[in-house]
C-alpha cells in the first residue's frame, strides 16, 4: 500500500502515456479507492493513538496546567511556513517541548527544569540538545554524579542503540574519573546484543582512556568468540586489543595458533580469516607469511574448499610471484584455476569479481591462453 502511494505519480504518468482513456479511468478509480481507504485507516489510527495518549496522561498534569509553571512562557515549535508533512505530535510531547524551549531560552537551571528535561528525554532520548542542557543543570545543581550514572544506566538499558545516551555516559564517567563499573555494564549490554556498535565503541573508549583495564580484555573477547565464532564484533575487538598492547613475537605467535584453531573448526568463518590477514601486518622477515601459506596449503590438500581459504591462496600467490619464470607461471596458473573454481562452483554469486581477478592476473603475467578461462554467460 505504502509503495503504491509513494510511486502513484510515476505510475500515473506512465499509464496516462501508455493506456487508452478507458484504462486510464479504471486506473485512477483504483488509486482513488486506495487513497480513500488509507485516509480512513489513518483516521482510525489517529483516533486510537489519541485515545491511548489520553489514557496515558489521565493521571498526568500537563505543564501548562501546573500552577508552579505559570511564570514560564512556552515556545511552540517553528517548522516554518512551507511544511511538507505536518508531524502529529501528541499533546504531551508538544506541551513538554514547548516548555523546554521556554526554559532553554531563559536559561533557568533548577530542580523543576531537571524534572522537565527528564520528561523530555523520556519522550525523545535522541534529542541531543536536551542532553546537553541536562548536563548543565546537573553541574549547576551539583547533583551526585554517581546517582546520575545510575539514571543514565537505566536509560541505556531501554535505548541501547542511541548515540546521545552513550555520549552522556561518557561525559559523566570522564568527570567521575572512575571506570570501575564500565566494563561490567557494557558486558551486560552486549549480553542483550553481542554486536551492538554503540556499546563496543564506548567500551573501546573506556579501554583507551583507562589503559590499565586492557589487560583482561582478551579473556572477555575469547569468551564471546567461544560462544559464537562468527561474532565479527568480538574479532574486531580482539584486534583492537592487540593493537593497543605492547605486543611481542610470543603474543603474535599465540594469536596465530589461536586463529588457526578457530579456522580449522570453522573454515567458512570470514571474521577469523580477516583477523588472520590482520596479524600478517606484524610479520617480520616473512616468517608469518610462510606459516600461513603452509597452513592454507595443508587445508586445501585435505579437501577444504572454503571460499575464504581459496581467496587467501590467490592473494598469496600473487604476492609471492615476482617474475615470469616457468615455475612462477605455473603458480599463477594454479591461482587462475582457483579463480575459475570460485567463479563456477564455490563462489558463483561473485562470479564477475573472480572474472576480474582472473583477468588482472592474465594481464599482469602476460598469460593469454590457459585451460582455466572463465566463461561469462551472456544475457539472453
Protein backbone atom coordinates (compact mmCIF):
# COMPACT_ATOMS: atom_id res chain seq x y z
CA UNK A 1 0.00 0.00 0.00
CA UNK A 2 2.70 2.46 1.01
CA UNK A 3 4.77 1.73 -2.11
CA UNK A 4 1.75 2.16 -4.38
CA UNK A 5 1.01 5.52 -2.85
CA UNK A 6 4.66 6.54 -2.89
CA UNK A 7 5.01 5.89 -6.61
CA UNK A 8 1.47 6.96 -7.56
CA UNK A 9 2.62 9.95 -9.59
CA UNK A 10 5.17 7.90 -11.50
CA UNK A 11 2.62 5.18 -12.27
CA UNK A 12 0.05 7.79 -13.24
CA UNK A 13 2.39 9.39 -15.77
CA UNK A 14 3.28 6.04 -17.28
CA UNK A 15 -0.31 4.90 -17.58
CA UNK A 16 -1.52 8.22 -18.92
CA UNK A 17 1.01 7.85 -21.68
CA UNK A 18 0.61 4.15 -22.39
CA UNK A 19 -3.07 3.31 -21.99
CA UNK A 20 -6.26 4.38 -23.65
CA UNK A 21 -8.84 6.51 -21.91
CA UNK A 22 -10.86 3.59 -20.52
CA UNK A 23 -7.84 2.00 -18.84
CA UNK A 24 -6.69 5.36 -17.50
CA UNK A 25 -10.09 5.95 -15.95
CA UNK A 26 -10.07 2.50 -14.29
CA UNK A 27 -6.52 3.00 -13.03
CA UNK A 28 -7.37 6.35 -11.44
CA UNK A 29 -10.51 4.91 -9.83
CA UNK A 30 -8.47 2.13 -8.22
CA UNK A 31 -6.00 4.61 -6.77
CA UNK A 32 -8.76 6.90 -5.55
CA UNK A 33 -10.22 3.95 -3.62
CA UNK A 34 -6.78 3.13 -2.23
CA UNK A 35 -6.25 6.69 -1.05
CA UNK A 36 -9.72 6.80 0.48
CA UNK A 37 -9.06 3.56 2.38
CA UNK A 38 -5.68 4.86 3.50
CA UNK A 39 -7.24 8.09 4.78
CA UNK A 40 -9.84 6.08 6.72
CA UNK A 41 -7.12 3.88 8.21
CA UNK A 42 -5.10 6.94 9.11
CA UNK A 43 -8.14 8.44 10.82
CA UNK A 44 -8.69 5.24 12.78
CA UNK A 45 -5.03 5.05 13.76
CA UNK A 46 -5.06 8.70 14.72
CA UNK A 47 -8.14 8.20 16.85
CA UNK A 48 -6.71 5.16 18.58
CA UNK A 49 -3.40 6.96 19.11
CA UNK A 50 -5.19 9.93 20.63
CA UNK A 51 -7.22 7.68 22.89
CA UNK A 52 -4.02 5.94 24.00
CA UNK A 53 -2.43 9.31 24.70
CA UNK A 54 -5.46 10.37 26.71
CA UNK A 55 -5.34 7.17 28.71
CA UNK A 56 -1.63 7.61 29.23
CA UNK A 57 -1.95 11.16 30.56
CA UNK A 58 -5.16 10.63 32.51
CA UNK A 59 -3.13 10.90 35.71
CA UNK A 60 -0.57 13.24 34.21
CA UNK A 61 -0.87 17.01 34.58
CA UNK A 62 0.34 18.98 31.58
CA UNK A 63 2.89 21.67 32.31
CA UNK A 64 0.50 24.34 31.06
CA UNK A 65 -1.93 23.28 33.80
CA UNK A 66 0.61 23.32 36.62
CA UNK A 67 0.40 26.48 38.76
CA UNK A 68 4.12 26.44 39.53
CA UNK A 69 4.91 26.76 35.81
CA UNK A 70 2.70 29.78 35.15
CA UNK A 71 5.75 32.06 35.12
CA UNK A 72 7.31 30.21 32.15
CA UNK A 73 6.39 31.27 28.63
CA UNK A 74 6.16 28.14 26.42
CA UNK A 75 7.64 28.47 22.93
CA UNK A 76 5.87 26.48 20.18
CA UNK A 77 7.95 24.64 17.63
CA UNK A 78 8.52 26.64 14.47
CA UNK A 79 8.56 24.39 11.42
CA UNK A 80 8.39 27.28 9.00
CA UNK A 81 5.64 28.30 6.63
CA UNK A 82 6.22 25.60 4.00
CA UNK A 83 5.57 22.35 5.86
CA UNK A 84 5.54 19.37 3.50
CA UNK A 85 4.15 16.96 6.09
CA UNK A 86 2.91 18.07 9.49
CA UNK A 87 4.14 15.78 12.24
CA UNK A 88 1.34 14.60 14.54
CA UNK A 89 2.96 15.22 17.92
CA UNK A 90 0.98 14.07 20.94
CA UNK A 91 -0.42 16.69 23.27
CA UNK A 92 2.01 15.64 25.99
CA UNK A 93 5.01 15.82 23.64
CA UNK A 94 4.04 19.29 22.41
CA UNK A 95 3.47 20.53 25.94
CA UNK A 96 6.79 19.25 27.31
CA UNK A 97 8.93 20.54 24.46
CA UNK A 98 7.17 23.90 24.30
CA UNK A 99 8.10 24.42 27.95
CA UNK A 100 11.58 23.01 27.39
CA UNK A 101 12.20 25.63 24.70
CA UNK A 102 10.90 28.22 27.14
CA UNK A 103 13.39 27.35 29.92
CA UNK A 104 16.17 26.89 27.37
CA UNK A 105 15.64 30.47 26.23
CA UNK A 106 15.54 31.84 29.77
CA UNK A 107 18.48 29.71 30.87
CA UNK A 108 16.78 28.51 34.02
CA UNK A 109 18.58 25.72 35.84
CA UNK A 110 16.64 24.33 38.77
CA UNK A 111 15.10 21.22 40.28
CA UNK A 112 11.95 21.73 38.25
CA UNK A 113 13.85 22.09 34.97
CA UNK A 114 15.67 18.86 35.80
CA UNK A 115 12.28 17.16 36.03
CA UNK A 116 11.26 18.79 32.76
CA UNK A 117 14.29 17.54 30.84
CA UNK A 118 13.75 14.09 32.35
CA UNK A 119 10.26 14.09 30.83
CA UNK A 120 11.66 15.37 27.53
CA UNK A 121 14.26 12.58 27.45
CA UNK A 122 11.56 10.00 28.13
CA UNK A 123 9.65 11.29 25.10
CA UNK A 124 12.68 11.66 22.82
CA UNK A 125 16.01 10.29 24.11
CA UNK A 126 17.71 11.15 20.79
CA UNK A 127 17.38 14.93 21.30
CA UNK A 128 20.98 15.94 21.92
CA UNK A 129 20.02 19.49 22.94
CA UNK A 130 18.06 18.11 25.88
CA UNK A 131 21.05 16.02 26.99
CA UNK A 132 23.42 18.97 26.78
CA UNK A 133 21.08 21.10 28.86
CA UNK A 134 20.56 18.28 31.36
CA UNK A 135 24.31 18.12 31.94
CA UNK A 136 24.43 21.87 32.51
CA UNK A 137 21.62 21.58 35.07
CA UNK A 138 23.27 18.61 36.82
CA UNK A 139 26.55 20.51 37.17
CA UNK A 140 24.80 23.70 38.26
CA UNK A 141 22.81 21.90 40.97
CA UNK A 142 25.86 19.82 41.94
CA UNK A 143 23.91 16.59 41.59
CA UNK A 144 25.73 13.46 42.79
CA UNK A 145 27.28 12.13 39.58
CA UNK A 146 27.08 8.56 40.83
CA UNK A 147 23.31 8.97 41.04
CA UNK A 148 23.34 10.46 37.56
CA UNK A 149 25.30 7.42 36.36
CA UNK A 150 22.55 5.17 37.72
CA UNK A 151 19.99 7.26 35.86
CA UNK A 152 21.79 7.01 32.52
CA UNK A 153 22.31 3.27 33.06
CA UNK A 154 18.55 2.79 33.19
CA UNK A 155 18.04 4.94 30.10
CA UNK A 156 20.66 2.99 28.14
CA UNK A 157 19.08 -0.34 29.06
CA UNK A 158 15.91 0.89 27.41
CA UNK A 159 17.54 2.67 24.45
CA UNK A 160 20.71 0.69 23.78
CA UNK A 161 21.31 1.97 20.24
CA UNK A 162 21.27 5.69 20.75
CA UNK A 163 24.33 7.89 20.24
CA UNK A 164 23.25 10.54 22.71
CA UNK A 165 22.81 8.25 25.73
CA UNK A 166 26.27 6.75 25.33
CA UNK A 167 27.86 10.18 24.86
CA UNK A 168 26.19 11.41 28.03
CA UNK A 169 27.51 8.42 29.95
CA UNK A 170 30.98 9.15 28.61
CA UNK A 171 30.74 12.72 29.92
CA UNK A 172 29.70 11.53 33.40
CA UNK A 173 32.45 8.88 33.61
CA UNK A 174 35.07 11.41 32.48
CA UNK A 175 34.04 13.79 35.26
CA UNK A 176 34.00 11.00 37.84
CA UNK A 177 37.28 9.62 36.53
CA UNK A 178 36.03 6.25 37.71
CA UNK A 179 35.64 3.44 35.14
CA UNK A 180 35.29 0.69 37.73
CA UNK A 181 31.84 -0.42 36.63
CA UNK A 182 32.04 0.33 32.93
CA UNK A 183 33.32 -2.96 31.56
CA UNK A 184 30.71 -4.89 33.52
CA UNK A 185 27.99 -2.52 32.34
CA UNK A 186 28.92 -2.82 28.66
CA UNK A 187 29.23 -6.59 29.05
CA UNK A 188 25.63 -6.67 30.28
CA UNK A 189 24.50 -4.61 27.30
CA UNK A 190 26.41 -6.90 24.95
CA UNK A 191 24.63 -9.86 26.53
CA UNK A 192 21.47 -8.30 25.11
CA UNK A 193 23.05 -7.81 21.68
CA UNK A 194 26.60 -9.03 21.14
CA UNK A 195 27.03 -6.80 18.08
CA UNK A 196 25.79 -3.51 19.48
CA UNK A 197 28.06 -1.00 17.76
CA UNK A 198 27.46 1.75 20.33
CA UNK A 199 28.36 -0.50 23.25
CA UNK A 200 31.54 -1.67 21.52
CA UNK A 201 32.53 1.88 20.61
CA UNK A 202 32.01 3.03 24.18
CA UNK A 203 33.90 0.03 25.56
CA UNK A 204 36.86 0.86 23.33
CA UNK A 205 36.82 4.43 24.60
CA UNK A 206 36.88 3.15 28.20
CA UNK A 207 39.82 0.83 27.46
CA UNK A 208 41.75 3.53 25.61
CA UNK A 209 41.15 6.17 28.28
CA UNK A 210 41.83 3.88 31.23
CA UNK A 211 44.51 1.67 29.70
CA UNK A 212 45.09 -0.41 32.84
CA UNK A 213 41.78 -2.18 32.06
CA UNK A 214 43.13 -3.52 28.78
CA UNK A 215 45.00 -6.46 30.27
CA UNK A 216 41.97 -8.70 30.85
CA UNK A 217 40.08 -7.76 27.71
CA UNK A 218 41.42 -10.72 25.72
CA UNK A 219 39.73 -13.07 28.21
CA UNK A 220 36.42 -11.31 27.71
CA UNK A 221 36.70 -11.42 23.93
CA UNK A 222 37.73 -15.08 23.98
CA UNK A 223 34.55 -15.87 25.89
CA UNK A 224 32.41 -14.17 23.25
CA UNK A 225 34.22 -15.87 20.36
CA UNK A 226 33.82 -19.24 22.07
CA UNK A 227 30.08 -18.59 22.28
CA UNK A 228 29.86 -17.52 18.65
CA UNK A 229 32.86 -17.81 16.36
CA UNK A 230 31.05 -15.72 13.73
CA UNK A 231 30.85 -12.72 16.04
CA UNK A 232 32.76 -10.28 13.86
CA UNK A 233 32.46 -7.57 16.53
CA UNK A 234 34.36 -9.75 19.02
CA UNK A 235 37.08 -10.47 16.45
CA UNK A 236 37.36 -6.76 15.75
CA UNK A 237 37.68 -6.11 19.49
CA UNK A 238 40.41 -8.73 19.73
CA UNK A 239 42.39 -6.93 17.03
CA UNK A 240 41.79 -3.63 18.82
CA UNK A 241 43.33 -5.09 21.98
CA UNK A 242 46.37 -6.48 20.16
CA UNK A 243 46.92 -3.08 18.54
CA UNK A 244 46.84 -1.34 21.89
CA UNK A 245 49.08 -3.68 23.85
CA UNK A 246 52.86 -3.80 23.77
CA UNK A 247 52.87 -6.83 21.54
CA UNK A 248 55.83 -9.13 21.09
CA UNK A 249 56.64 -12.10 18.88
CA UNK A 250 55.36 -14.56 21.50
CA UNK A 251 51.99 -12.82 21.69
CA UNK A 252 51.59 -12.78 17.91
CA UNK A 253 52.65 -16.44 17.78
CA UNK A 254 49.92 -17.32 20.27
CA UNK A 255 47.39 -15.35 18.24
CA UNK A 256 48.38 -17.19 15.07
CA UNK A 257 47.88 -20.55 16.78
CA UNK A 258 44.58 -19.39 18.24
CA UNK A 259 43.30 -18.28 14.85
CA UNK A 260 44.48 -21.47 13.13
CA UNK A 261 42.47 -23.49 15.66
CA UNK A 262 39.33 -21.42 15.09
CA UNK A 263 39.65 -21.65 11.32
CA UNK A 264 40.21 -25.41 11.50
CA UNK A 265 36.99 -25.70 13.50
CA UNK A 266 35.03 -23.40 11.20
CA UNK A 267 36.83 -22.64 7.95
CA UNK A 268 33.90 -20.70 6.42
CA UNK A 269 34.09 -18.03 9.10
CA UNK A 270 35.17 -14.84 7.32
CA UNK A 271 35.86 -12.99 10.59
CA UNK A 272 38.67 -15.36 11.56
CA UNK A 273 40.25 -15.12 8.10
CA UNK A 274 40.18 -11.33 8.23
CA UNK A 275 41.79 -11.45 11.66
CA UNK A 276 44.49 -13.76 10.30
CA UNK A 277 45.21 -11.34 7.47
CA UNK A 278 45.47 -8.53 10.03
CA UNK A 279 48.05 -10.47 12.05
CA UNK A 280 50.30 -10.58 8.98
CA UNK A 281 50.92 -6.87 9.46
CA UNK A 282 53.05 -7.87 12.46
CA UNK A 283 55.17 -10.24 10.40
CA UNK A 284 58.93 -9.82 10.37
CA UNK A 285 61.07 -11.17 7.53
CA UNK A 286 58.14 -13.07 6.06
CA UNK A 287 58.05 -15.66 8.86
CA UNK A 288 54.32 -15.39 9.45
CA UNK A 289 53.53 -15.41 5.74
CA UNK A 290 55.27 -18.76 5.33
CA UNK A 291 53.36 -20.25 8.27
CA UNK A 292 50.03 -19.00 6.98
CA UNK A 293 50.84 -20.15 3.44
CA UNK A 294 51.71 -23.63 4.68
CA UNK A 295 48.56 -23.73 6.80
CA UNK A 296 46.42 -22.82 3.79
CA UNK A 297 48.11 -25.41 1.59
CA UNK A 298 47.52 -28.15 4.17
CA UNK A 299 43.84 -27.24 4.46
CA UNK A 300 43.44 -27.21 0.70
CA UNK A 301 45.22 -30.54 0.25
CA UNK A 302 42.87 -32.07 2.81
CA UNK A 303 39.96 -31.17 0.55
CA UNK A 304 38.86 -27.93 2.22
CA UNK A 305 37.29 -25.57 -0.33
CA UNK A 306 36.29 -22.63 1.83
CA UNK A 307 35.95 -19.54 -0.34
CA UNK A 308 37.99 -17.55 2.20
CA UNK A 309 40.77 -20.14 2.08
CA UNK A 310 40.91 -20.12 -1.71
CA UNK A 311 40.75 -16.33 -1.85
CA UNK A 312 43.64 -16.12 0.59
CA UNK A 313 45.68 -18.53 -1.54
CA UNK A 314 45.08 -16.42 -4.66
CA UNK A 315 46.37 -13.35 -2.82
CA UNK A 316 49.42 -15.19 -1.53
CA UNK A 317 50.36 -16.46 -4.97
CA UNK A 318 50.02 -13.00 -6.47
CA UNK A 319 52.19 -11.54 -3.68
CA UNK A 320 54.83 -14.27 -3.96
CA UNK A 321 55.37 -14.22 -7.72
CA UNK A 322 57.81 -11.55 -8.80
CA UNK A 323 58.95 -12.80 -12.20
CA UNK A 324 57.70 -14.67 -15.25
CA UNK A 325 59.96 -17.68 -14.78
CA UNK A 326 58.32 -21.00 -15.81
CA UNK A 327 57.88 -22.18 -12.22
CA UNK A 328 56.23 -18.90 -11.32
CA UNK A 329 53.90 -19.09 -14.29
CA UNK A 330 52.73 -22.48 -13.05
CA UNK A 331 51.90 -20.92 -9.70
CA UNK A 332 49.91 -18.20 -11.44
CA UNK A 333 48.04 -20.82 -13.46
CA UNK A 334 47.11 -22.52 -10.19
CA UNK A 335 45.77 -19.15 -8.98
CA UNK A 336 43.77 -18.91 -12.22
CA UNK A 337 42.38 -22.38 -11.50
CA UNK A 338 41.32 -21.22 -8.04
CA UNK A 339 39.59 -18.20 -9.59
CA UNK A 340 37.80 -20.46 -12.07
CA UNK A 341 36.69 -22.86 -9.32
CA UNK A 342 35.45 -19.98 -7.20
CA UNK A 343 33.55 -18.39 -10.09
CA UNK A 344 31.90 -21.56 -11.29
CA UNK A 345 31.50 -23.80 -8.22
CA UNK A 346 32.32 -22.38 -4.80
CA UNK A 347 31.51 -18.67 -5.05
CA UNK A 348 29.32 -18.13 -8.13
CA UNK A 349 27.49 -15.20 -6.57
CA UNK A 350 30.71 -13.22 -7.01
CA UNK A 351 31.40 -14.69 -10.43
CA UNK A 352 32.21 -11.40 -12.10
CA UNK A 353 34.59 -10.44 -9.31
CA UNK A 354 36.61 -13.58 -9.97
CA UNK A 355 36.45 -12.92 -13.70
CA UNK A 356 38.01 -9.55 -12.95
CA UNK A 357 40.74 -11.00 -10.67
CA UNK A 358 41.50 -13.67 -13.25
CA UNK A 359 41.82 -11.03 -15.96
CA UNK A 360 44.15 -8.95 -13.78
CA UNK A 361 46.43 -11.97 -13.27
CA UNK A 362 46.41 -12.74 -17.00
CA UNK A 363 47.41 -9.20 -17.89
CA UNK A 364 49.99 -8.87 -15.12
CA UNK A 365 51.84 -12.04 -16.13
CA UNK A 366 51.01 -11.92 -19.85
CA UNK A 367 49.20 -15.26 -19.87
CA UNK A 368 46.92 -15.26 -22.91
CA UNK A 369 45.88 -18.88 -23.26
CA UNK A 370 45.25 -21.38 -20.48
CA UNK A 371 42.76 -24.08 -19.57
CA UNK A 372 41.11 -22.18 -16.73
CA UNK A 373 39.35 -19.47 -18.71
CA UNK A 374 36.10 -18.45 -17.01
CA UNK A 375 33.21 -18.43 -19.44
CA UNK A 376 30.95 -15.46 -18.94
CA UNK A 377 27.38 -16.24 -19.87
CA UNK A 378 25.79 -13.53 -21.97
CA UNK A 379 22.34 -12.27 -21.06
CA UNK A 380 19.78 -13.71 -23.41
